[in-house]
Amino acid sequence: MRDWASGHAKPIAWVSCLIVILLGLTYPVLLYLDRNAGLQLHGLPGISELVSLTTAFAGALIMARQPKNLIGWMLTFDGVAGLIT
């Protein structure tokens, strides 16, 4: 009998990847709507979102291929949390 992680990892990985893509697509819209707020105090706008998007996508790929690998789970949910904040 398969364990829980190997049976449910692929759907969780790709749903979280879809959430990350949707959150990543909303960032330019929100940046445009808030264009009068000025530049950020640190770095270029959008760099942290790009890093979170890449991290979550890499984690989703690892989760889909090797569901028992905890690095994939951590990368995915770290990227999702980075885009939510």
Protein backbone atom coordinates (compact mmCIF):
# COMPACT_ATOMS: atom_id res chain seq x y z
CA MET A 1 0.00 0.00 0.00
CA ARG A 2 1.30 3.44 -0.92
CA ASP A 3 1.74 6.09 1.70
CA TRP A 4 -0.10 9.40 1.70
CA ALA A 5 2.71 11.51 0.22
CA SER A 6 3.20 9.43 -2.89
CA GLY A 7 -0.52 9.35 -3.68
CA HIS A 8 -1.31 13.03 -3.15
CA ALA A 9 1.93 14.83 -3.99
CA LYS A 10 1.33 15.40 -7.71
CA PRO A 11 -2.06 17.12 -7.35
CA ILE A 12 -0.79 19.23 -4.44
CA ALA A 13 2.33 20.16 -6.39
CA TRP A 14 0.51 21.31 -9.49
CA VAL A 15 -2.29 23.08 -7.62
CA SER A 16 0.28 25.00 -5.60
CA CYS A 17 2.14 25.78 -8.84
CA LEU A 18 -1.11 27.11 -10.34
CA ILE A 19 -1.68 29.27 -7.25
CA VAL A 20 1.86 30.63 -7.54
CA ILE A 21 1.37 31.47 -11.21
CA LEU A 22 -1.91 33.25 -10.49
CA LEU A 23 -0.31 35.21 -7.64
CA GLY A 24 2.64 36.05 -9.87
CA LEU A 25 0.33 37.35 -12.59
CA THR A 26 -1.52 39.62 -10.18
CA TYR A 27 1.69 41.41 -9.15
CA PRO A 28 2.05 43.58 -12.31
CA VAL A 29 -1.60 44.61 -12.02
CA LEU A 30 -1.16 45.61 -8.38
CA LEU A 31 2.09 47.39 -9.19
CA TYR A 32 0.33 49.38 -11.92
CA LEU A 33 -2.58 50.28 -9.65
CA ASP A 34 -0.16 51.45 -6.96
CA ARG A 35 2.19 53.30 -9.30
CA ASN A 36 2.04 56.58 -7.35
CA ALA A 37 3.45 55.00 -4.19
CA GLY A 38 7.05 55.36 -5.40
CA LEU A 39 9.90 52.89 -5.54
CA GLN A 40 10.69 50.40 -2.85
CA LEU A 41 13.35 51.28 -0.34
CA HIS A 42 15.30 48.11 -1.06
CA GLY A 43 16.03 46.68 -4.49
CA LEU A 44 13.99 46.62 -7.63
CA PRO A 45 10.24 46.03 -7.51
CA GLY A 46 9.35 42.50 -8.49
CA ILE A 47 12.64 40.74 -7.73
CA SER A 48 11.37 39.04 -4.58
CA GLU A 49 8.25 37.92 -6.45
CA LEU A 50 10.38 36.44 -9.22
CA VAL A 51 12.52 34.57 -6.69
CA SER A 52 9.42 33.23 -4.91
CA LEU A 53 7.89 32.16 -8.21
CA THR A 54 11.06 30.31 -9.22
CA THR A 55 11.41 28.68 -5.81
CA ALA A 56 7.83 27.43 -5.78
CA PHE A 57 8.04 26.11 -9.34
CA ALA A 58 11.28 24.23 -8.61
CA GLY A 59 9.71 22.78 -5.47
CA ALA A 60 6.64 21.67 -7.43
CA LEU A 61 8.85 19.87 -9.93
CA ILE A 62 10.66 18.07 -7.12
CA MET A 63 7.37 17.21 -5.39
CA ALA A 64 5.89 15.77 -8.57
CA ARG A 65 8.92 13.55 -9.27
CA GLN A 66 9.92 12.56 -5.74
CA PRO A 67 7.03 13.00 -3.29
CA LYS A 68 9.00 11.79 -0.26
CA ASN A 69 11.69 14.45 -0.70
CA LEU A 70 11.04 17.11 1.93
CA ILE A 71 13.10 19.74 0.09
CA GLY A 72 10.44 19.90 -2.63
CA TRP A 73 7.68 20.44 -0.08
CA MET A 74 9.67 23.15 1.71
CA LEU A 75 10.59 24.97 -1.51
CA THR A 76 7.01 24.92 -2.76
CA PHE A 77 5.42 26.24 0.39
CA ASP A 78 8.21 28.76 0.95
CA GLY A 79 7.57 30.16 -2.54
CA VAL A 80 3.82 30.28 -1.96
CA ALA A 81 4.29 32.04 1.39
CA GLY A 82 6.68 34.51 -0.21
CA LEU A 83 4.11 35.45 -2.84
CA ILE A 84 1.26 35.74 -0.36
CA THR A 85 3.15 38.21 1.85
